[in-house]
PDB file of N, CA and C in Angstrom:
ATOM      1  N   MET A   1      93.136 -69.879 104.733  1.00  0.00           N
ATOM      2  CA  MET A   1      92.827 -69.436 103.690  1.00  0.00           C
ATOM      3  C   MET A   1      91.697 -68.951 103.473  1.00  0.00           C
ATOM      4  N   ALA A   2      91.518 -67.771 102.681  1.00  0.00           N
ATOM      5  CA  ALA A   2      90.019 -66.983 102.751  1.00  0.00           C
ATOM      6  C   ALA A   2      88.835 -67.661 102.108  1.00  0.00           C
ATOM      7  N   LEU A   3      87.997 -67.782 102.078  1.00  0.00           N
ATOM      8  CA  LEU A   3      86.737 -68.637 101.412  1.00  0.00           C
ATOM      9  C   LEU A   3      86.512 -68.011 100.058  1.00  0.00           C
ATOM     10  N   ALA A   4      86.784 -66.187  99.743  1.00  0.00           N
ATOM     11  CA  ALA A   4      86.797 -65.658  98.692  1.00  0.00           C
ATOM     12  C   ALA A   4      87.784 -66.031  97.438  1.00  0.00           C
ATOM     13  N   ASN A   5      88.774 -66.856  98.270  1.00  0.00           N
ATOM     14  CA  ASN A   5      90.261 -67.130  96.862  1.00  0.00           C
ATOM     15  C   ASN A   5      89.763 -68.697  96.474  1.00  0.00           C
ATOM     16  N   ILE A   6      89.045 -69.426  97.465  1.00  0.00           N
ATOM     17  CA  ILE A   6      88.726 -70.465  97.069  1.00  0.00           C
ATOM     18  C   ILE A   6      87.256 -70.751  95.973  1.00  0.00           C
ATOM     19  N   LEU A   7      85.924 -70.189  96.281  1.00  0.00           N
ATOM     20  CA  LEU A   7      85.129 -70.374  95.695  1.00  0.00           C
ATOM     21  C   LEU A   7      85.008 -69.803  94.310  1.00  0.00           C
ATOM     22  N   PRO A   8      85.603 -68.590  93.884  1.00  0.00           N
ATOM     23  CA  PRO A   8      85.709 -68.188  92.471  1.00  0.00           C
ATOM     24  C   PRO A   8      86.195 -69.034  91.771  1.00  0.00           C
ATOM     25  N   ASP A   9      87.256 -69.863  91.728  1.00  0.00           N
ATOM     26  CA  ASP A   9      87.931 -70.322  90.830  1.00  0.00           C
ATOM     27  C   ASP A   9      87.125 -71.717  90.765  1.00  0.00           C
ATOM     28  N   TYR A  10      86.304 -72.220  91.589  1.00  0.00           N
ATOM     29  CA  TYR A  10      85.131 -73.287  91.228  1.00  0.00           C
ATOM     30  C   TYR A  10      84.185 -72.949  90.282  1.00  0.00           C
ATOM     31  N   TYR A  11      83.727 -71.739  90.865  1.00  0.00           N
ATOM     32  CA  TYR A  11      82.362 -71.396  89.977  1.00  0.00           C
ATOM     33  C   TYR A  11      82.729 -70.631  88.731  1.00  0.00           C
ATOM     34  N   LYS A  12      83.313 -70.074  88.475  1.00  0.00           N
ATOM     35  CA  LYS A  12      83.956 -69.109  87.504  1.00  0.00           C
ATOM     36  C   LYS A  12      83.421 -69.456  86.270  1.00  0.00           C
ATOM     37  N   LYS A  13      83.317 -70.767  85.892  1.00  0.00           N
ATOM     38  CA  LYS A  13      82.891 -71.362  84.719  1.00  0.00           C
ATOM     39  C   LYS A  13      81.717 -72.167  84.685  1.00  0.00           C
ATOM     40  N   ARG A  14      80.774 -72.247  85.829  1.00  0.00           N
ATOM     41  CA  ARG A  14      79.698 -72.743  86.135  1.00  0.00           C
ATOM     42  C   ARG A  14      78.055 -72.092  85.521  1.00  0.00           C
ATOM     43  N   GLY A  15      78.284 -71.269  85.168  1.00  0.00           N
ATOM     44  CA  GLY A  15      76.782 -70.355  84.830  1.00  0.00           C
ATOM     45  C   GLY A  15      76.456 -70.459  85.858  1.00  0.00           C
ATOM     46  N   ARG A  16      74.758 -70.463  86.129  1.00  0.00           N
ATOM     47  CA  ARG A  16      74.006 -70.439  87.239  1.00  0.00           C
ATOM     48  C   ARG A  16      74.647 -70.460  88.931  1.00  0.00           C
ATOM     49  N   GLN A  17      75.938 -71.440  88.799  1.00  0.00           N
ATOM     50  CA  GLN A  17      76.603 -71.385  90.135  1.00  0.00           C
ATOM     51  C   GLN A  17      77.175 -70.774  90.399  1.00  0.00           C
ATOM     52  N   ALA A  18      77.514 -69.852  89.240  1.00  0.00           N
ATOM     53  CA  ALA A  18      78.560 -68.719  89.509  1.00  0.00           C
ATOM     54  C   ALA A  18      77.613 -67.551  90.413  1.00  0.00           C
ATOM     55  N   GLN A  19      76.748 -67.226  90.363  1.00  0.00           N
ATOM     56  CA  GLN A  19      75.568 -66.616  90.884  1.00  0.00           C
ATOM     57  C   GLN A  19      75.636 -66.925  92.397  1.00  0.00           C
ATOM     58  N   ARG A  20      75.343 -68.346  92.544  1.00  0.00           N
ATOM     59  CA  ARG A  20      75.097 -68.926  93.521  1.00  0.00           C
ATOM     60  C   ARG A  20      76.405 -68.819  94.395  1.00  0.00           C
ATOM     61  N   GLY A  21      77.589 -68.908  93.713  1.00  0.00           N
ATOM     62  CA  GLY A  21      78.942 -68.786  94.328  1.00  0.00           C
ATOM     63  C   GLY A  21      79.066 -67.589  95.044  1.00  0.00           C
ATOM     64  N   GLN A  22      78.901 -66.827  93.961  1.00  0.00           N
ATOM     65  CA  GLN A  22      78.972 -65.280  94.561  1.00  0.00           C
ATOM     66  C   GLN A  22      78.135 -64.692  95.939  1.00  0.00           C
ATOM     67  N   LEU A  23      76.955 -65.408  96.247  1.00  0.00           N
ATOM     68  CA  LEU A  23      76.431 -65.288  97.161  1.00  0.00           C
ATOM     69  C   LEU A  23      77.331 -65.492  98.683  1.00  0.00           C
ATOM     70  N   TRP A  24      78.023 -66.791  98.551  1.00  0.00           N
ATOM     71  CA  TRP A  24      78.423 -67.260  99.564  1.00  0.00           C
ATOM     72  C   TRP A  24      80.123 -65.879  99.766  1.00  0.00           C
ATOM     73  N   VAL A  25      80.516 -65.540  98.808  1.00  0.00           N
ATOM     74  CA  VAL A  25      81.557 -64.422  98.828  1.00  0.00           C
ATOM     75  C   VAL A  25      81.014 -63.336  99.530  1.00  0.00           C
ATOM     76  N   GLU A  26      80.141 -62.625  98.674  1.00  0.00           N
ATOM     77  CA  GLU A  26      79.494 -61.598  99.077  1.00  0.00           C
ATOM     78  C   GLU A  26      79.253 -61.358 100.765  1.00  0.00           C
ATOM     79  N   PHE A  27      78.515 -62.718 101.477  1.00  0.00           N
ATOM     80  CA  PHE A  27      78.329 -62.558 102.670  1.00  0.00           C
ATOM     81  C   PHE A  27      79.274 -63.215 103.702  1.00  0.00           C
ATOM     82  N   PHE A  28      80.143 -63.879 103.104  1.00  0.00           N
ATOM     83  CA  PHE A  28      81.689 -64.341 104.097  1.00  0.00           C
ATOM     84  C   PHE A  28      82.712 -63.186 103.766  1.00  0.00           C
ATOM     85  N   GLY A  29      83.006 -62.343 102.494  1.00  0.00           N
ATOM     86  CA  GLY A  29      83.839 -61.397 102.638  1.00  0.00           C
ATOM     87  C   GLY A  29      85.294 -62.252 102.719  1.00  0.00           C
ATOM     88  N   GLU A  30      85.839 -61.703 103.304  1.00  0.00           N
ATOM     89  CA  GLU A  30      87.608 -62.327 103.359  1.00  0.00           C
ATOM     90  C   GLU A  30      87.742 -62.964 104.486  1.00  0.00           C
ATOM     91  N   ALA A  31      86.650 -63.947 105.270  1.00  0.00           N
ATOM     92  CA  ALA A  31      86.561 -64.841 106.311  1.00  0.00           C
ATOM     93  C   ALA A  31      87.432 -65.980 105.961  1.00  0.00           C
ATOM     94  N   ARG A  32      88.141 -66.437 106.672  1.00  0.00           N
ATOM     95  CA  ARG A  32      88.773 -67.612 106.724  1.00  0.00           C
ATOM     96  C   ARG A  32      88.150 -68.974 106.523  1.00  0.00           C
ATOM     97  N   VAL A  33      88.368 -70.076 105.539  1.00  0.00           N
ATOM     98  CA  VAL A  33      87.440 -71.265 105.659  1.00  0.00           C
ATOM     99  C   VAL A  33      87.058 -71.399 106.897  1.00  0.00           C
ATOM    100  N   ALA A  34      87.803 -71.862 107.673  1.00  0.00           N
ATOM    101  CA  ALA A  34      87.156 -72.339 108.901  1.00  0.00           C
ATOM    102  C   ALA A  34      86.587 -71.714 109.784  1.00  0.00           C
ATOM    103  N   GLU A  35      86.894 -70.198 109.675  1.00  0.00           N
ATOM    104  CA  GLU A  35      85.777 -69.208 110.449  1.00  0.00           C
ATOM    105  C   GLU A  35      84.367 -69.434 109.697  1.00  0.00           C
ATOM    106  N   ALA A  36      84.495 -69.256 108.204  1.00  0.00           N
ATOM    107  CA  ALA A  36      83.129 -69.288 107.448  1.00  0.00           C
ATOM    108  C   ALA A  36      82.422 -70.327 107.739  1.00  0.00           C
ATOM    109  N   THR A  37      82.915 -71.682 107.778  1.00  0.00           N
ATOM    110  CA  THR A  37      82.144 -72.861 107.649  1.00  0.00           C
ATOM    111  C   THR A  37      81.986 -73.236 109.294  1.00  0.00           C
ATOM    112  N   SER A  38      81.957 -72.754 110.091  1.00  0.00           N
ATOM    113  CA  SER A  38      81.584 -73.183 111.610  1.00  0.00           C
ATOM    114  C   SER A  38      79.975 -73.058 111.910  1.00  0.00           C
ATOM    115  N   PRO A  39      79.576 -73.647 112.627  1.00  0.00           N
ATOM    116  CA  PRO A  39      78.210 -73.931 112.441  1.00  0.00           C
ATOM    117  C   PRO A  39      77.146 -72.489 112.709  1.00  0.00           C
ATOM    118  N   PRO A  40      77.951 -71.561 113.726  1.00  0.00           N
ATOM    119  CA  PRO A  40      76.953 -70.375 114.084  1.00  0.00           C
ATOM    120  C   PRO A  40      77.020 -69.482 112.627  1.00  0.00           C
ATOM    121  N   ARG A  41      78.103 -69.486 111.724  1.00  0.00           N
ATOM    122  CA  ARG A  41      78.232 -68.496 110.568  1.00  0.00           C
ATOM    123  C   ARG A  41      77.591 -69.219 109.500  1.00  0.00           C
ATOM    124  N   LEU A  42      77.598 -70.498 109.387  1.00  0.00           N
ATOM    125  CA  LEU A  42      76.693 -71.198 108.298  1.00  0.00           C
ATOM    126  C   LEU A  42      75.116 -70.845 108.774  1.00  0.00           C
ATOM    127  N   GLU A  43      74.878 -71.046 109.930  1.00  0.00           N
ATOM    128  CA  GLU A  43      73.542 -70.991 110.407  1.00  0.00           C
ATOM    129  C   GLU A  43      73.038 -69.578 110.095  1.00  0.00           C
ATOM    130  N   ALA A  44      74.139 -68.465 110.184  1.00  0.00           N
ATOM    131  CA  ALA A  44      73.731 -66.931 109.831  1.00  0.00           C
ATOM    132  C   ALA A  44      73.599 -66.809 108.441  1.00  0.00           C
ATOM    133  N   PHE A  45      74.541 -67.763 107.725  1.00  0.00           N
ATOM    134  CA  PHE A  45      74.236 -67.707 106.226  1.00  0.00           C
ATOM    135  C   PHE A  45      73.111 -68.052 105.888  1.00  0.00           C
ATOM    136  N   PHE A  46      72.498 -69.326 106.555  1.00  0.00           N
ATOM    137  CA  PHE A  46      71.236 -69.816 105.841  1.00  0.00           C
ATOM    138  C   PHE A  46      70.070 -68.877 106.336  1.00  0.00           C
ATOM    139  N   ALA A  47      70.145 -68.425 107.117  1.00  0.00           N
ATOM    140  CA  ALA A  47      69.108 -67.049 107.815  1.00  0.00           C
ATOM    141  C   ALA A  47      69.145 -65.902 106.919  1.00  0.00           C
ATOM    142  N   HIS A  48      70.095 -65.625 106.516  1.00  0.00           N
ATOM    143  CA  HIS A  48      70.356 -64.732 105.279  1.00  0.00           C
ATOM    144  C   HIS A  48      69.557 -64.751 104.363  1.00  0.00           C
ATOM    145  N   LEU A  49      70.118 -65.821 103.923  1.00  0.00           N
ATOM    146  CA  LEU A  49      69.575 -66.396 102.575  1.00  0.00           C
ATOM    147  C   LEU A  49      67.728 -66.431 102.683  1.00  0.00           C
ATOM    148  N   GLY A  50      67.353 -66.949 103.828  1.00  0.00           N
ATOM    149  CA  GLY A  50      65.777 -67.069 104.092  1.00  0.00           C
ATOM    150  C   GLY A  50      65.424 -65.810 103.873  1.00  0.00           C
ATOM    151  N   ALA A  51      66.151 -64.685 104.638  1.00  0.00           N
ATOM    152  CA  ALA A  51      65.109 -63.914 104.403  1.00  0.00           C
ATOM    153  C   ALA A  51      65.398 -62.742 103.229  1.00  0.00           C
ATOM    154  N   GLN A  52      65.990 -63.375 102.196  1.00  0.00           N
ATOM    155  CA  GLN A  52      65.909 -63.069 100.835  1.00  0.00           C
ATOM    156  C   GLN A  52      64.958 -63.659 100.115  1.00  0.00           C
ATOM    157  N   ASP A  53      63.812 -64.591 100.842  1.00  0.00           N
ATOM    158  CA  ASP A  53      62.948 -65.052 100.135  1.00  0.00           C
ATOM    159  C   ASP A  53      63.354 -66.001  99.190  1.00  0.00           C
ATOM    160  N   PHE A  54      64.108 -66.684  99.408  1.00  0.00           N
ATOM    161  CA  PHE A  54      65.043 -67.874  98.456  1.00  0.00           C
ATOM    162  C   PHE A  54      64.083 -68.816  99.066  1.00  0.00           C
ATOM    163  N   SER A  55      63.524 -69.712  98.114  1.00  0.00           N
ATOM    164  CA  SER A  55      63.029 -70.983  98.705  1.00  0.00           C
ATOM    165  C   SER A  55      64.257 -72.412  99.484  1.00  0.00           C
ATOM    166  N   SER A  56      63.731 -73.120 100.154  1.00  0.00           N
ATOM    167  CA  SER A  56      64.517 -74.052 100.442  1.00  0.00           C
ATOM    168  C   SER A  56      65.146 -74.759 100.036  1.00  0.00           C
ATOM    169  N   ALA A  57      64.640 -74.859  98.622  1.00  0.00           N
ATOM    170  CA  ALA A  57      65.555 -75.655  97.685  1.00  0.00           C
ATOM    171  C   ALA A  57      66.135 -74.785  97.095  1.00  0.00           C
ATOM    172  N   HIS A  58      65.931 -73.692  96.745  1.00  0.00           N
ATOM    173  CA  HIS A  58      67.391 -73.288  96.158  1.00  0.00           C
ATOM    174  C   HIS A  58      68.530 -72.580  97.458  1.00  0.00           C
ATOM    175  N   ILE A  59      68.141 -72.613  98.634  1.00  0.00           N
ATOM    176  CA  ILE A  59      69.096 -72.463  99.517  1.00  0.00           C
ATOM    177  C   ILE A  59      69.898 -73.544  99.506  1.00  0.00           C
ATOM    178  N   GLN A  60      69.337 -74.852  99.303  1.00  0.00           N
ATOM    179  CA  GLN A  60      70.213 -75.958  99.596  1.00  0.00           C
ATOM    180  C   GLN A  60      70.894 -76.379  98.228  1.00  0.00           C
ATOM    181  N   ARG A  61      70.963 -75.573  97.177  1.00  0.00           N
ATOM    182  CA  ARG A  61      71.211 -75.568  95.921  1.00  0.00           C
ATOM    183  C   ARG A  61      72.633 -74.474  96.454  1.00  0.00           C
ATOM    184  N   ILE A  62      72.305 -73.432  96.699  1.00  0.00           N
ATOM    185  CA  ILE A  62      73.559 -72.702  97.179  1.00  0.00           C
ATOM    186  C   ILE A  62      74.550 -73.033  98.284  1.00  0.00           C
ATOM    187  N   LEU A  63      74.233 -73.879  99.201  1.00  0.00           N
ATOM    188  CA  LEU A  63      74.874 -74.295 100.208  1.00  0.00           C
ATOM    189  C   LEU A  63      75.388 -75.301  99.280  1.00  0.00           C
ATOM    190  N   GLY A  64      74.992 -76.098  98.256  1.00  0.00           N
ATOM    191  CA  GLY A  64      75.793 -77.108  97.711  1.00  0.00           C
ATOM    192  C   GLY A  64      76.984 -76.681  96.712  1.00  0.00           C
ATOM    193  N   VAL A  65      76.634 -75.532  96.338  1.00  0.00           N
ATOM    194  CA  VAL A  65      77.953 -74.821  95.548  1.00  0.00           C
ATOM    195  C   VAL A  65      78.907 -74.717  96.237  1.00  0.00           C
ATOM    196  N   GLY A  66      78.970 -74.158  97.524  1.00  0.00           N
ATOM    197  CA  GLY A  66      79.800 -74.008  98.376  1.00  0.00           C
ATOM    198  C   GLY A  66      80.488 -74.875  99.041  1.00  0.00           C
ATOM    199  N   LYS A  67      79.650 -76.222  99.230  1.00  0.00           N
ATOM    200  CA  LYS A  67      80.230 -77.452  99.658  1.00  0.00           C
ATOM    201  C   LYS A  67      80.931 -78.057  98.582  1.00  0.00           C
ATOM    202  N   ALA A  68      80.450 -78.025  97.341  1.00  0.00           N
ATOM    203  CA  ALA A  68      81.110 -78.698  96.651  1.00  0.00           C
ATOM    204  C   ALA A  68      82.805 -77.868  95.862  1.00  0.00           C
ATOM    205  N   GLY A  69      82.473 -76.665  95.954  1.00  0.00           N
ATOM    206  CA  GLY A  69      83.747 -75.989  96.161  1.00  0.00           C
ATOM    207  C   GLY A  69      84.850 -76.015  97.077  1.00  0.00           C
ATOM    208  N   LEU A  70      84.624 -76.402  97.976  1.00  0.00           N
ATOM    209  CA  LEU A  70      85.130 -76.506  99.455  1.00  0.00           C
ATOM    210  C   LEU A  70      85.602 -78.053  99.042  1.00  0.00           C
ATOM    211  N   GLN A  71      85.158 -79.169  98.563  1.00  0.00           N
ATOM    212  CA  GLN A  71      85.567 -80.404  98.493  1.00  0.00           C
ATOM    213  C   GLN A  71      86.566 -80.201  97.650  1.00  0.00           C
ATOM    214  N   ARG A  72      86.444 -79.607  96.531  1.00  0.00           N
ATOM    215  CA  ARG A  72      87.199 -79.587  95.374  1.00  0.00           C
ATOM    216  C   ARG A  72      88.748 -78.884  95.805  1.00  0.00           C
ATOM    217  N   ALA A  73      88.754 -77.727  96.717  1.00  0.00           N
ATOM    218  CA  ALA A  73      89.839 -77.475  97.033  1.00  0.00           C
ATOM    219  C   ALA A  73      90.381 -78.346  98.065  1.00  0.00           C
ATOM    220  N   TRP A  74      90.049 -79.066  98.837  1.00  0.00           N
ATOM    221  CA  TRP A  74      90.415 -80.162  99.666  1.00  0.00           C
ATOM    222  C   TRP A  74      90.941 -81.056  98.709  1.00  0.00           C
ATOM    223  N   ARG A  75      90.160 -81.847  97.676  1.00  0.00           N
ATOM    224  CA  ARG A  75      90.890 -82.670  97.107  1.00  0.00           C
ATOM    225  C   ARG A  75      92.388 -82.283  96.307  1.00  0.00           C
ATOM    226  N   ARG A  76      92.150 -81.074  95.951  1.00  0.00           N
ATOM    227  CA  ARG A  76      93.540 -80.459  95.312  1.00  0.00           C
ATOM    228  C   ARG A  76      94.570 -80.070  96.223  1.00  0.00           C
ATOM    229  N   GLY A  77      94.478 -80.250  97.680  1.00  0.00           N
ATOM    230  CA  GLY A  77      95.664 -79.952  98.515  1.00  0.00           C
ATOM    231  C   GLY A  77      95.393 -78.538  98.582  1.00  0.00           C
ATOM    232  N   GLU A  78      94.488 -77.621  98.567  1.00  0.00           N
ATOM    233  CA  GLU A  78      94.534 -76.249  98.988  1.00  0.00           C
ATOM    234  C   GLU A  78      94.273 -76.027 100.444  1.00  0.00           C
ATOM    235  N   ILE A  79      93.249 -76.695 100.906  1.00  0.00           N
ATOM    236  CA  ILE A  79      93.260 -76.708 102.123  1.00  0.00           C
ATOM    237  C   ILE A  79      93.028 -77.876 102.734  1.00  0.00           C
ATOM    238  N   ALA A  80      93.213 -77.963 104.276  1.00  0.00           N
ATOM    239  CA  ALA A  80      93.731 -79.164 105.150  1.00  0.00           C
ATOM    240  C   ALA A  80      92.300 -80.179 105.491  1.00  0.00           C
ATOM    241  N   GLY A  81      91.424 -79.664 105.082  1.00  0.00           N
ATOM    242  CA  GLY A  81      90.339 -80.586 104.982  1.00  0.00           C
ATOM    243  C   GLY A  81      88.975 -79.894 104.365  1.00  0.00           C
ATOM    244  N   ALA A  82      87.860 -80.872 104.130  1.00  0.00           N
ATOM    245  CA  ALA A  82      86.755 -80.277 103.415  1.00  0.00           C
ATOM    246  C   ALA A  82      85.623 -80.301 104.423  1.00  0.00           C
ATOM    247  N   PRO A  83      85.422 -78.558 105.325  1.00  0.00           N
ATOM    248  CA  PRO A  83      84.801 -78.737 106.404  1.00  0.00           C
ATOM    249  C   PRO A  83      83.315 -78.819 106.531  1.00  0.00           C
ATOM    250  N   ILE A  84      82.987 -78.831 105.188  1.00  0.00           N
ATOM    251  CA  ILE A  84      81.201 -78.999 105.568  1.00  0.00           C
ATOM    252  C   ILE A  84      80.735 -80.272 104.847  1.00  0.00           C
ATOM    253  N   SER A  85      79.969 -81.008 106.058  1.00  0.00           N
ATOM    254  CA  SER A  85      79.551 -82.627 106.025  1.00  0.00           C
ATOM    255  C   SER A  85      78.009 -82.332 105.424  1.00  0.00           C
ATOM    256  N   GLN A  86      77.470 -83.180 104.747  1.00  0.00           N
ATOM    257  CA  GLN A  86      76.070 -83.470 104.577  1.00  0.00           C
ATOM    258  C   GLN A  86      75.052 -83.060 105.757  1.00  0.00           C
ATOM    259  N   ALA A  87      75.515 -83.357 106.969  1.00  0.00           N
ATOM    260  CA  ALA A  87      74.749 -82.640 107.843  1.00  0.00           C
ATOM    261  C   ALA A  87      74.363 -81.300 108.005  1.00  0.00           C
ATOM    262  N   SER A  88      75.543 -80.479 107.915  1.00  0.00           N
ATOM    263  CA  SER A  88      75.573 -79.335 107.583  1.00  0.00           C
ATOM    264  C   SER A  88      74.832 -78.891 106.875  1.00  0.00           C
ATOM    265  N   THR A  89      74.279 -79.010 105.443  1.00  0.00           N
ATOM    266  CA  THR A  89      73.698 -78.474 104.575  1.00  0.00           C
ATOM    267  C   THR A  89      72.163 -79.060 104.626  1.00  0.00           C
TER     268      THR A  89
END
């Protein structure tokens, strides 16, 4: 399943989190969850956010929105596993 199909459902009613979630969708586009959450892709996303002058704390909040959205999708049976662990963020 594409990340872009999962995250908007999670963050669409969450105010500031919607802006953070949109950063995930803009960066990963239609990438499937397994591809988007691979360590190299997450590291590239982290570097991309850092290049936009986001503080480390803001980057952690952005990563947290994606993690929460993926965990929600897993709990609902939409994906086979919650692929982002605490160590990834």
